[in-house]
PDB file of N, CA and C in Angstrom:
ATOM      1  N   MET A   1     200.819 -84.403-146.254  1.00  0.00           N
ATOM      2  CA  MET A   1     201.846 -83.444-146.595  1.00  0.00           C
ATOM      3  C   MET A   1     203.127 -83.778-145.827  1.00  0.00           C
ATOM      4  N   PHE A   2     204.241 -83.739-146.523  1.00  0.00           N
ATOM      5  CA  PHE A   2     205.544 -83.988-145.910  1.00  0.00           C
ATOM      6  C   PHE A   2     205.932 -82.788-145.059  1.00  0.00           C
ATOM      7  N   ILE A   3     206.198 -83.042-143.777  1.00  0.00           N
ATOM      8  CA  ILE A   3     206.599 -81.977-142.853  1.00  0.00           C
ATOM      9  C   ILE A   3     208.095 -82.008-142.614  1.00  0.00           C
ATOM     10  N   GLY A   4     208.638 -83.195-142.392  1.00  0.00           N
ATOM     11  CA  GLY A   4     210.062 -83.316-142.109  1.00  0.00           C
ATOM     12  C   GLY A   4     210.434 -84.751-141.840  1.00  0.00           C
ATOM     13  N   GLN A   5     211.670 -84.942-141.433  1.00  0.00           N
ATOM     14  CA  GLN A   5     212.154 -86.293-141.140  1.00  0.00           C
ATOM     15  C   GLN A   5     213.190 -86.233-140.037  1.00  0.00           C
ATOM     16  N   ILE A   6     213.394 -87.393-139.418  1.00  0.00           N
ATOM     17  CA  ILE A   6     214.389 -87.496-138.358  1.00  0.00           C
ATOM     18  C   ILE A   6     215.136 -88.811-138.531  1.00  0.00           C
ATOM     19  N   SER A   7     216.418 -88.804-138.215  1.00  0.00           N
ATOM     20  CA  SER A   7     217.251 -90.002-138.290  1.00  0.00           C
ATOM     21  C   SER A   7     217.893 -90.228-136.935  1.00  0.00           C
ATOM     22  N   ILE A   8     217.859 -91.479-136.495  1.00  0.00           N
ATOM     23  CA  ILE A   8     218.490 -91.859-135.238  1.00  0.00           C
ATOM     24  C   ILE A   8     219.670 -92.764-135.566  1.00  0.00           C
ATOM     25  N   ARG A   9     220.833 -92.386-135.076  1.00  0.00           N
ATOM     26  CA  ARG A   9     222.050 -93.169-135.311  1.00  0.00           C
ATOM     27  C   ARG A   9     222.389 -93.934-134.037  1.00  0.00           C
ATOM     28  N   HIS A  10     222.567 -95.225-134.151  1.00  0.00           N
ATOM     29  CA  HIS A  10     222.759 -96.093-132.994  1.00  0.00           C
ATOM     30  C   HIS A  10     224.158 -96.018-132.419  1.00  0.00           C
ATOM     31  N   GLY A  11     225.079 -95.440-133.142  1.00  0.00           N
ATOM     32  CA  GLY A  11     226.447 -95.304-132.671  1.00  0.00           C
ATOM     33  C   GLY A  11     227.101 -94.104-133.321  1.00  0.00           C
ATOM     34  N   LEU A  12     228.234 -93.727-132.788  1.00  0.00           N
ATOM     35  CA  LEU A  12     228.947 -92.564-133.304  1.00  0.00           C
ATOM     36  C   LEU A  12     230.299 -92.974-133.872  1.00  0.00           C
ATOM     37  N   THR A  13     230.556 -92.559-135.102  1.00  0.00           N
ATOM     38  CA  THR A  13     231.890 -92.667-135.679  1.00  0.00           C
ATOM     39  C   THR A  13     232.650 -91.401-135.293  1.00  0.00           C
ATOM     40  N   LYS A  14     233.929 -91.359-135.603  1.00  0.00           N
ATOM     41  CA  LYS A  14     234.705 -90.135-135.351  1.00  0.00           C
ATOM     42  C   LYS A  14     234.088 -88.952-136.100  1.00  0.00           C
ATOM     43  N   GLU A  15     233.614 -89.201-137.320  1.00  0.00           N
ATOM     44  CA  GLU A  15     233.007 -88.138-138.121  1.00  0.00           C
ATOM     45  C   GLU A  15     231.700 -87.656-137.492  1.00  0.00           C
ATOM     46  N   LEU A  16     230.856 -88.596-137.035  1.00  0.00           N
ATOM     47  CA  LEU A  16     229.588 -88.207-136.413  1.00  0.00           C
ATOM     48  C   LEU A  16     229.795 -87.500-135.084  1.00  0.00           C
ATOM     49  N   GLU A  17     230.898 -87.785-134.399  1.00  0.00           N
ATOM     50  CA  GLU A  17     231.209 -87.056-133.167  1.00  0.00           C
ATOM     51  C   GLU A  17     231.488 -85.588-133.469  1.00  0.00           C
ATOM     52  N   LYS A  18     232.047 -85.323-134.649  1.00  0.00           N
ATOM     53  CA  LYS A  18     232.357 -83.945-135.032  1.00  0.00           C
ATOM     54  C   LYS A  18     231.174 -83.245-135.684  1.00  0.00           C
ATOM     55  N   TYR A  19     230.390 -83.984-136.474  1.00  0.00           N
ATOM     56  CA  TYR A  19     229.289 -83.373-137.208  1.00  0.00           C
ATOM     57  C   TYR A  19     228.237 -84.436-137.498  1.00  0.00           C
ATOM     58  N   GLY A  20     227.094 -84.303-136.922  1.00  0.00           N
ATOM     59  CA  GLY A  20     226.015 -85.248-137.178  1.00  0.00           C
ATOM     60  C   GLY A  20     225.365 -85.753-135.903  1.00  0.00           C
ATOM     61  N   GLY A  21     226.181 -86.285-134.996  1.00  0.00           N
ATOM     62  CA  GLY A  21     225.660 -86.755-133.722  1.00  0.00           C
ATOM     63  C   GLY A  21     224.758 -87.976-133.834  1.00  0.00           C
ATOM     64  N   HIS A  22     224.024 -88.246-132.758  1.00  0.00           N
ATOM     65  CA  HIS A  22     223.104 -89.386-132.712  1.00  0.00           C
ATOM     66  C   HIS A  22     221.810 -89.128-133.482  1.00  0.00           C
ATOM     67  N   ILE A  23     221.423 -87.861-133.587  1.00  0.00           N
ATOM     68  CA  ILE A  23     220.129 -87.523-134.181  1.00  0.00           C
ATOM     69  C   ILE A  23     220.322 -86.435-135.228  1.00  0.00           C
ATOM     70  N   GLY A  24     219.698 -86.649-136.369  1.00  0.00           N
ATOM     71  CA  GLY A  24     219.644 -85.626-137.405  1.00  0.00           C
ATOM     72  C   GLY A  24     218.191 -85.402-137.770  1.00  0.00           C
ATOM     73  N   TYR A  25     217.830 -84.176-138.041  1.00  0.00           N
ATOM     74  CA  TYR A  25     216.446 -83.896-138.424  1.00  0.00           C
ATOM     75  C   TYR A  25     216.398 -82.806-139.475  1.00  0.00           C
ATOM     76  N   TYR A  26     215.300 -82.792-140.184  1.00  0.00           N
ATOM     77  CA  TYR A  26     215.075 -81.810-141.237  1.00  0.00           C
ATOM     78  C   TYR A  26     213.595 -81.455-141.234  1.00  0.00           C
ATOM     79  N   ILE A  27     213.294 -80.172-141.290  1.00  0.00           N
ATOM     80  CA  ILE A  27     211.922 -79.691-141.424  1.00  0.00           C
ATOM     81  C   ILE A  27     211.814 -78.948-142.748  1.00  0.00           C
ATOM     82  N   ARG A  28     210.811 -79.298-143.525  1.00  0.00           N
ATOM     83  CA  ARG A  28     210.555 -78.648-144.809  1.00  0.00           C
ATOM     84  C   ARG A  28     210.465 -77.132-144.612  1.00  0.00           C
ATOM     85  N   TYR A  29     211.050 -76.391-145.521  1.00  0.00           N
ATOM     86  CA  TYR A  29     211.186 -74.937-145.366  1.00  0.00           C
ATOM     87  C   TYR A  29     209.853 -74.250-145.031  1.00  0.00           C
ATOM     88  N   ILE A  30     208.798 -74.586-145.764  1.00  0.00           N
ATOM     89  CA  ILE A  30     207.519 -73.883-145.540  1.00  0.00           C
ATOM     90  C   ILE A  30     206.841 -74.306-144.232  1.00  0.00           C
ATOM     91  N   MET A  31     207.366 -75.342-143.574  1.00  0.00           N
ATOM     92  CA  MET A  31     206.788 -75.817-142.317  1.00  0.00           C
ATOM     93  C   MET A  31     207.619 -75.397-141.102  1.00  0.00           C
ATOM     94  N   ARG A  32     208.669 -74.649-141.330  1.00  0.00           N
ATOM     95  CA  ARG A  32     209.550 -74.254-140.232  1.00  0.00           C
ATOM     96  C   ARG A  32     208.911 -73.166-139.372  1.00  0.00           C
ATOM     97  N   ASN A  33     209.419 -73.052-138.172  1.00  0.00           N
ATOM     98  CA  ASN A  33     209.005 -72.044-137.201  1.00  0.00           C
ATOM     99  C   ASN A  33     207.550 -72.229-136.761  1.00  0.00           C
ATOM    100  N   LYS A  34     207.114 -73.508-136.737  1.00  0.00           N
ATOM    101  CA  LYS A  34     205.758 -73.843-136.298  1.00  0.00           C
ATOM    102  C   LYS A  34     205.781 -74.859-135.158  1.00  0.00           C
ATOM    103  N   GLY A  35     206.977 -75.174-134.646  1.00  0.00           N
ATOM    104  CA  GLY A  35     207.092 -76.098-133.529  1.00  0.00           C
ATOM    105  C   GLY A  35     207.329 -77.549-133.912  1.00  0.00           C
ATOM    106  N   TYR A  36     207.343 -77.854-135.200  1.00  0.00           N
ATOM    107  CA  TYR A  36     207.520 -79.244-135.625  1.00  0.00           C
ATOM    108  C   TYR A  36     208.910 -79.790-135.286  1.00  0.00           C
ATOM    109  N   GLY A  37     209.939 -78.979-135.409  1.00  0.00           N
ATOM    110  CA  GLY A  37     211.287 -79.433-135.078  1.00  0.00           C
ATOM    111  C   GLY A  37     211.390 -79.817-133.610  1.00  0.00           C
ATOM    112  N   THR A  38     210.862 -78.964-132.746  1.00  0.00           N
ATOM    113  CA  THR A  38     210.868 -79.247-131.312  1.00  0.00           C
ATOM    114  C   THR A  38     210.102 -80.529-131.023  1.00  0.00           C
ATOM    115  N   LEU A  39     208.959 -80.693-131.680  1.00  0.00           N
ATOM    116  CA  LEU A  39     208.125 -81.880-131.464  1.00  0.00           C
ATOM    117  C   LEU A  39     208.813 -83.156-131.934  1.00  0.00           C
ATOM    118  N   ILE A  40     209.353 -83.166-133.161  1.00  0.00           N
ATOM    119  CA  ILE A  40     209.933 -84.421-133.639  1.00  0.00           C
ATOM    120  C   ILE A  40     211.194 -84.787-132.856  1.00  0.00           C
ATOM    121  N   LEU A  41     211.943 -83.784-132.406  1.00  0.00           N
ATOM    122  CA  LEU A  41     213.107 -84.104-131.583  1.00  0.00           C
ATOM    123  C   LEU A  41     212.660 -84.664-130.245  1.00  0.00           C
ATOM    124  N   ARG A  42     211.648 -84.083-129.636  1.00  0.00           N
ATOM    125  CA  ARG A  42     211.132 -84.601-128.359  1.00  0.00           C
ATOM    126  C   ARG A  42     210.669 -86.046-128.514  1.00  0.00           C
ATOM    127  N   LEU A  43     209.938 -86.339-129.591  1.00  0.00           N
ATOM    128  CA  LEU A  43     209.463 -87.704-129.819  1.00  0.00           C
ATOM    129  C   LEU A  43     210.620 -88.673-130.054  1.00  0.00           C
ATOM    130  N   ALA A  44     211.641 -88.235-130.777  1.00  0.00           N
ATOM    131  CA  ALA A  44     212.818 -89.084-130.999  1.00  0.00           C
ATOM    132  C   ALA A  44     213.535 -89.360-129.683  1.00  0.00           C
ATOM    133  N   LEU A  45     213.658 -88.347-128.836  1.00  0.00           N
ATOM    134  CA  LEU A  45     214.304 -88.537-127.538  1.00  0.00           C
ATOM    135  C   LEU A  45     213.518 -89.522-126.676  1.00  0.00           C
ATOM    136  N   GLU A  46     212.200 -89.426-126.707  1.00  0.00           N
ATOM    137  CA  GLU A  46     211.367 -90.374-125.964  1.00  0.00           C
ATOM    138  C   GLU A  46     211.566 -91.792-126.503  1.00  0.00           C
ATOM    139  N   TYR A  47     211.607 -91.925-127.811  1.00  0.00           N
ATOM    140  CA  TYR A  47     211.807 -93.234-128.430  1.00  0.00           C
ATOM    141  C   TYR A  47     213.156 -93.829-128.023  1.00  0.00           C
ATOM    142  N   ILE A  48     214.202 -93.028-128.116  1.00  0.00           N
ATOM    143  CA  ILE A  48     215.540 -93.498-127.726  1.00  0.00           C
ATOM    144  C   ILE A  48     215.557 -93.877-126.251  1.00  0.00           C
ATOM    145  N   ASN A  49     214.958 -93.030-125.425  1.00  0.00           N
ATOM    146  CA  ASN A  49     214.934 -93.274-123.989  1.00  0.00           C
ATOM    147  C   ASN A  49     214.223 -94.581-123.650  1.00  0.00           C
ATOM    148  N   ASN A  50     213.187 -94.920-124.396  1.00  0.00           N
ATOM    149  CA  ASN A  50     212.401 -96.112-124.119  1.00  0.00           C
ATOM    150  C   ASN A  50     212.929 -97.376-124.783  1.00  0.00           C
ATOM    151  N   ASN A  51     213.824 -97.239-125.745  1.00  0.00           N
ATOM    152  CA  ASN A  51     214.237 -98.405-126.525  1.00  0.00           C
ATOM    153  C   ASN A  51     215.737 -98.668-126.576  1.00  0.00           C
ATOM    154  N   PHE A  52     216.536 -97.738-126.113  1.00  0.00           N
ATOM    155  CA  PHE A  52     217.983 -97.904-126.171  1.00  0.00           C
ATOM    156  C   PHE A  52     218.582 -97.660-124.799  1.00  0.00           C
ATOM    157  N   ASN A  53     219.803 -98.064-124.653  1.00  0.00           N
ATOM    158  CA  ASN A  53     220.504 -97.963-123.376  1.00  0.00           C
ATOM    159  C   ASN A  53     221.411 -96.738-123.334  1.00  0.00           C
ATOM    160  N   PHE A  54     221.024 -95.650-123.953  1.00  0.00           N
ATOM    161  CA  PHE A  54     221.853 -94.449-123.983  1.00  0.00           C
ATOM    162  C   PHE A  54     221.627 -93.627-122.713  1.00  0.00           C
ATOM    163  N   GLU A  55     222.707 -93.145-122.144  1.00  0.00           N
ATOM    164  CA  GLU A  55     222.603 -92.215-121.022  1.00  0.00           C
ATOM    165  C   GLU A  55     222.418 -90.790-121.522  1.00  0.00           C
ATOM    166  N   GLN A  56     222.984 -90.513-122.693  1.00  0.00           N
ATOM    167  CA  GLN A  56     222.876 -89.185-123.295  1.00  0.00           C
ATOM    168  C   GLN A  56     223.058 -89.320-124.796  1.00  0.00           C
ATOM    169  N   VAL A  57     222.601 -88.301-125.523  1.00  0.00           N
ATOM    170  CA  VAL A  57     222.759 -88.285-126.974  1.00  0.00           C
ATOM    171  C   VAL A  57     223.426 -86.984-127.391  1.00  0.00           C
ATOM    172  N   LEU A  58     224.159 -87.073-128.484  1.00  0.00           N
ATOM    173  CA  LEU A  58     224.866 -85.929-129.044  1.00  0.00           C
ATOM    174  C   LEU A  58     224.090 -85.386-130.241  1.00  0.00           C
ATOM    175  N   LEU A  59     223.908 -84.078-130.261  1.00  0.00           N
ATOM    176  CA  LEU A  59     223.333 -83.395-131.415  1.00  0.00           C
ATOM    177  C   LEU A  59     224.276 -82.285-131.822  1.00  0.00           C
ATOM    178  N   THR A  60     224.370 -82.039-133.115  1.00  0.00           N
ATOM    179  CA  THR A  60     225.231 -80.965-133.610  1.00  0.00           C
ATOM    180  C   THR A  60     224.427 -80.065-134.535  1.00  0.00           C
ATOM    181  N   CYS A  61     224.894 -78.832-134.659  1.00  0.00           N
ATOM    182  CA  CYS A  61     224.308 -77.911-135.637  1.00  0.00           C
ATOM    183  C   CYS A  61     225.329 -76.814-135.945  1.00  0.00           C
ATOM    184  N   ASN A  62     225.122 -76.156-137.042  1.00  0.00           N
ATOM    185  CA  ASN A  62     225.973 -75.029-137.396  1.00  0.00           C
ATOM    186  C   ASN A  62     225.769 -73.903-136.392  1.00  0.00           C
ATOM    187  N   ASP A  63     226.819 -73.190-136.106  1.00  0.00           N
ATOM    188  CA  ASP A  63     226.781 -72.102-135.129  1.00  0.00           C
ATOM    189  C   ASP A  63     225.832 -70.986-135.554  1.00  0.00           C
ATOM    190  N   THR A  64     225.537 -70.885-136.839  1.00  0.00           N
ATOM    191  CA  THR A  64     224.654 -69.823-137.339  1.00  0.00           C
ATOM    192  C   THR A  64     223.194 -70.265-137.468  1.00  0.00           C
ATOM    193  N   ASN A  65     222.893 -71.525-137.174  1.00  0.00           N
ATOM    194  CA  ASN A  65     221.539 -72.049-137.347  1.00  0.00           C
ATOM    195  C   ASN A  65     220.726 -71.796-136.081  1.00  0.00           C
ATOM    196  N   ILE A  66     220.162 -70.599-135.975  1.00  0.00           N
ATOM    197  CA  ILE A  66     219.454 -70.222-134.754  1.00  0.00           C
ATOM    198  C   ILE A  66     218.226 -71.092-134.504  1.00  0.00           C
ATOM    199  N   TYR A  67     217.620 -71.611-135.557  1.00  0.00           N
ATOM    200  CA  TYR A  67     216.435 -72.449-135.387  1.00  0.00           C
ATOM    201  C   TYR A  67     216.795 -73.792-134.757  1.00  0.00           C
ATOM    202  N   SER A  68     217.851 -74.432-135.233  1.00  0.00           N
ATOM    203  CA  SER A  68     218.280 -75.702-134.629  1.00  0.00           C
ATOM    204  C   SER A  68     218.798 -75.488-133.212  1.00  0.00           C
ATOM    205  N   ILE A  69     219.488 -74.395-132.992  1.00  0.00           N
ATOM    206  CA  ILE A  69     219.960 -74.090-131.640  1.00  0.00           C
ATOM    207  C   ILE A  69     218.762 -74.032-130.690  1.00  0.00           C
ATOM    208  N   ARG A  70     217.719 -73.333-131.110  1.00  0.00           N
ATOM    209  CA  ARG A  70     216.516 -73.192-130.279  1.00  0.00           C
ATOM    210  C   ARG A  70     215.832 -74.550-130.052  1.00  0.00           C
ATOM    211  N   VAL A  71     215.704 -75.360-131.103  1.00  0.00           N
ATOM    212  CA  VAL A  71     215.068 -76.673-130.991  1.00  0.00           C
ATOM    213  C   VAL A  71     215.846 -77.562-130.017  1.00  0.00           C
ATOM    214  N   ILE A  72     217.140 -77.602-130.172  1.00  0.00           N
ATOM    215  CA  ILE A  72     217.974 -78.448-129.314  1.00  0.00           C
ATOM    216  C   ILE A  72     217.901 -77.982-127.862  1.00  0.00           C
ATOM    217  N   GLU A  73     218.013 -76.683-127.645  1.00  0.00           N
ATOM    218  CA  GLU A  73     217.991 -76.160-126.278  1.00  0.00           C
ATOM    219  C   GLU A  73     216.621 -76.327-125.628  1.00  0.00           C
ATOM    220  N   LYS A  74     215.538 -76.216-126.395  1.00  0.00           N
ATOM    221  CA  LYS A  74     214.189 -76.450-125.845  1.00  0.00           C
ATOM    222  C   LYS A  74     214.008 -77.888-125.399  1.00  0.00           C
ATOM    223  N   ASN A  75     214.788 -78.794-125.972  1.00  0.00           N
ATOM    224  CA  ASN A  75     214.708 -80.203-125.620  1.00  0.00           C
ATOM    225  C   ASN A  75     215.781 -80.616-124.618  1.00  0.00           C
ATOM    226  N   GLY A  76     216.371 -79.662-123.943  1.00  0.00           N
ATOM    227  CA  GLY A  76     217.311 -79.968-122.873  1.00  0.00           C
ATOM    228  C   GLY A  76     218.766 -80.047-123.288  1.00  0.00           C
ATOM    229  N   GLY A  77     219.081 -79.643-124.512  1.00  0.00           N
ATOM    230  CA  GLY A  77     220.460 -79.677-124.972  1.00  0.00           C
ATOM    231  C   GLY A  77     221.342 -78.710-124.205  1.00  0.00           C
ATOM    232  N   VAL A  78     222.488 -79.212-123.780  1.00  0.00           N
ATOM    233  CA  VAL A  78     223.474 -78.395-123.073  1.00  0.00           C
ATOM    234  C   VAL A  78     224.695 -78.290-123.976  1.00  0.00           C
ATOM    235  N   LEU A  79     225.074 -77.057-124.297  1.00  0.00           N
ATOM    236  CA  LEU A  79     226.219 -76.831-125.175  1.00  0.00           C
ATOM    237  C   LEU A  79     227.481 -77.392-124.541  1.00  0.00           C
ATOM    238  N   PHE A  80     228.119 -78.308-125.270  1.00  0.00           N
ATOM    239  CA  PHE A  80     229.366 -78.920-124.807  1.00  0.00           C
ATOM    240  C   PHE A  80     230.551 -78.101-125.287  1.00  0.00           C
ATOM    241  N   ASP A  81     230.571 -77.813-126.595  1.00  0.00           N
ATOM    242  CA  ASP A  81     231.655 -77.004-127.149  1.00  0.00           C
ATOM    243  C   ASP A  81     231.295 -76.567-128.561  1.00  0.00           C
ATOM    244  N   LYS A  82     232.191 -75.783-129.131  1.00  0.00           N
ATOM    245  CA  LYS A  82     232.110 -75.377-130.528  1.00  0.00           C
ATOM    246  C   LYS A  82     233.429 -75.779-131.169  1.00  0.00           C
ATOM    247  N   ILE A  83     233.342 -76.422-132.336  1.00  0.00           N
ATOM    248  CA  ILE A  83     234.558 -76.863-133.015  1.00  0.00           C
ATOM    249  C   ILE A  83     234.528 -76.395-134.460  1.00  0.00           C
ATOM    250  N   ASN A  84     235.704 -76.343-135.068  1.00  0.00           N
ATOM    251  CA  ASN A  84     235.815 -76.009-136.484  1.00  0.00           C
ATOM    252  C   ASN A  84     235.695 -77.280-137.305  1.00  0.00           C
ATOM    253  N   ASN A  85     234.911 -77.212-138.361  1.00  0.00           N
ATOM    254  CA  ASN A  85     234.730 -78.324-139.291  1.00  0.00           C
ATOM    255  C   ASN A  85     234.846 -77.808-140.711  1.00  0.00           C
ATOM    256  N   THR A  86     235.184 -78.700-141.627  1.00  0.00           N
ATOM    257  CA  THR A  86     235.125 -78.392-143.056  1.00  0.00           C
ATOM    258  C   THR A  86     234.116 -79.352-143.662  1.00  0.00           C
ATOM    259  N   ILE A  87     233.014 -78.811-144.131  1.00  0.00           N
ATOM    260  CA  ILE A  87     231.929 -79.600-144.719  1.00  0.00           C
ATOM    261  C   ILE A  87     231.793 -79.190-146.175  1.00  0.00           C
ATOM    262  N   ASP A  88     231.972 -80.149-147.069  1.00  0.00           N
ATOM    263  CA  ASP A  88     231.899 -79.882-148.514  1.00  0.00           C
ATOM    264  C   ASP A  88     232.799 -78.716-148.917  1.00  0.00           C
ATOM    265  N   GLY A  89     233.992 -78.663-148.311  1.00  0.00           N
ATOM    266  CA  GLY A  89     234.969 -77.649-148.655  1.00  0.00           C
ATOM    267  C   GLY A  89     234.754 -76.286-148.015  1.00  0.00           C
ATOM    268  N   VAL A  90     233.750 -76.180-147.158  1.00  0.00           N
ATOM    269  CA  VAL A  90     233.436 -74.906-146.504  1.00  0.00           C
ATOM    270  C   VAL A  90     233.763 -75.030-145.013  1.00  0.00           C
ATOM    271  N   ASP A  91     234.514 -74.074-144.492  1.00  0.00           N
ATOM    272  CA  ASP A  91     234.830 -74.050-143.073  1.00  0.00           C
ATOM    273  C   ASP A  91     233.640 -73.499-142.295  1.00  0.00           C
ATOM    274  N   ILE A  92     233.209 -74.252-141.283  1.00  0.00           N
ATOM    275  CA  ILE A  92     232.086 -73.822-140.439  1.00  0.00           C
ATOM    276  C   ILE A  92     232.427 -74.083-138.982  1.00  0.00           C
ATOM    277  N   ILE A  93     231.713 -73.404-138.121  1.00  0.00           N
ATOM    278  CA  ILE A  93     231.792 -73.666-136.690  1.00  0.00           C
ATOM    279  C   ILE A  93     230.584 -74.524-136.343  1.00  0.00           C
ATOM    280  N   THR A  94     230.851 -75.640-135.671  1.00  0.00           N
ATOM    281  CA  THR A  94     229.806 -76.584-135.286  1.00  0.00           C
ATOM    282  C   THR A  94     229.615 -76.549-133.780  1.00  0.00           C
ATOM    283  N   ARG A  95     228.364 -76.416-133.368  1.00  0.00           N
ATOM    284  CA  ARG A  95     228.015 -76.526-131.956  1.00  0.00           C
ATOM    285  C   ARG A  95     227.717 -77.986-131.658  1.00  0.00           C
ATOM    286  N   ARG A  96     228.221 -78.474-130.534  1.00  0.00           N
ATOM    287  CA  ARG A  96     227.929 -79.838-130.102  1.00  0.00           C
ATOM    288  C   ARG A  96     227.198 -79.778-128.761  1.00  0.00           C
ATOM    289  N   TYR A  97     226.049 -80.421-128.734  1.00  0.00           N
ATOM    290  CA  TYR A  97     225.188 -80.444-127.554  1.00  0.00           C
ATOM    291  C   TYR A  97     225.009 -81.874-127.057  1.00  0.00           C
ATOM    292  N   TRP A  98     224.912 -82.027-125.756  1.00  0.00           N
ATOM    293  CA  TRP A  98     224.533 -83.304-125.154  1.00  0.00           C
ATOM    294  C   TRP A  98     223.178 -83.138-124.498  1.00  0.00           C
ATOM    295  N   ILE A  99     222.335 -84.152-124.663  1.00  0.00           N
ATOM    296  CA  ILE A  99     221.047 -84.203-123.970  1.00  0.00           C
ATOM    297  C   ILE A  99     221.047 -85.474-123.129  1.00  0.00           C
ATOM    298  N   LYS A 100     220.868 -85.309-121.821  1.00  0.00           N
ATOM    299  CA  LYS A 100     220.830 -86.455-120.910  1.00  0.00           C
ATOM    300  C   LYS A 100     219.461 -87.114-120.984  1.00  0.00           C
ATOM    301  N   LEU A 101     219.477 -88.443-120.910  1.00  0.00           N
ATOM    302  CA  LEU A 101     218.248 -89.229-120.901  1.00  0.00           C
ATOM    303  C   LEU A 101     218.091 -89.882-119.531  1.00  0.00           C
ATOM    304  N   ASN A 102     216.898 -90.384-119.241  1.00  0.00           N
ATOM    305  CA  ASN A 102     216.709 -91.026-117.938  1.00  0.00           C
ATOM    306  C   ASN A 102     216.549 -92.533-118.042  1.00  0.00           C
ATOM    307  N   ASN A 103     216.907 -93.101-119.190  1.00  0.00           N
ATOM    308  CA  ASN A 103     217.031 -94.561-119.355  1.00  0.00           C
ATOM    309  C   ASN A 103     215.833 -95.354-118.855  1.00  0.00           C
ATOM    310  N   SER A 104     214.633 -94.971-119.264  1.00  0.00           N
ATOM    311  CA  SER A 104     213.453 -95.720-118.829  1.00  0.00           C
ATOM    312  C   SER A 104     213.408 -97.116-119.447  1.00  0.00           C
ATOM    313  N   CYS A 105     214.237 -97.398-120.453  1.00  0.00           N
ATOM    314  CA  CYS A 105     214.240 -98.748-121.028  1.00  0.00           C
ATOM    315  C   CYS A 105     214.777 -99.773-120.040  1.00  0.00           C
ATOM    316  N   ASN A 106     215.427 -99.313-118.987  1.00  0.00           N
ATOM    317  CA  ASN A 106     215.968-100.223-117.978  1.00  0.00           C
ATOM    318  C   ASN A 106     215.017-100.400-116.795  1.00  0.00           C
ATOM    319  N   LYS A 107     213.878 -99.725-116.817  1.00  0.00           N
ATOM    320  CA  LYS A 107     212.971 -99.770-115.659  1.00  0.00           C
ATOM    321  C   LYS A 107     211.930-100.842-115.827  1.00  0.00           C
TER     322      LYS A 107
END
């Protein structure tokens, strides 16, 4: 059964700095609120930490998405700021979070 997916972006464009970040994830609607989002983000962070030279990663979410806010914060996300974005013609407030890594790929 399909639960969800995660995408890891190796670099940030100006657009991804505003909306998207290094990591994007999606959990199927009927599978939400069961801990899968927290788990797949944790696993992605471990993968990045072990395979890339990133000191920190950027994650973004809509200001009204309480589920993503919770997932990001459970994984150590620290709110950097909130910015205004226009996505598909709709004005939204985007939260930007940074999560620090411990760079075990260098050990």
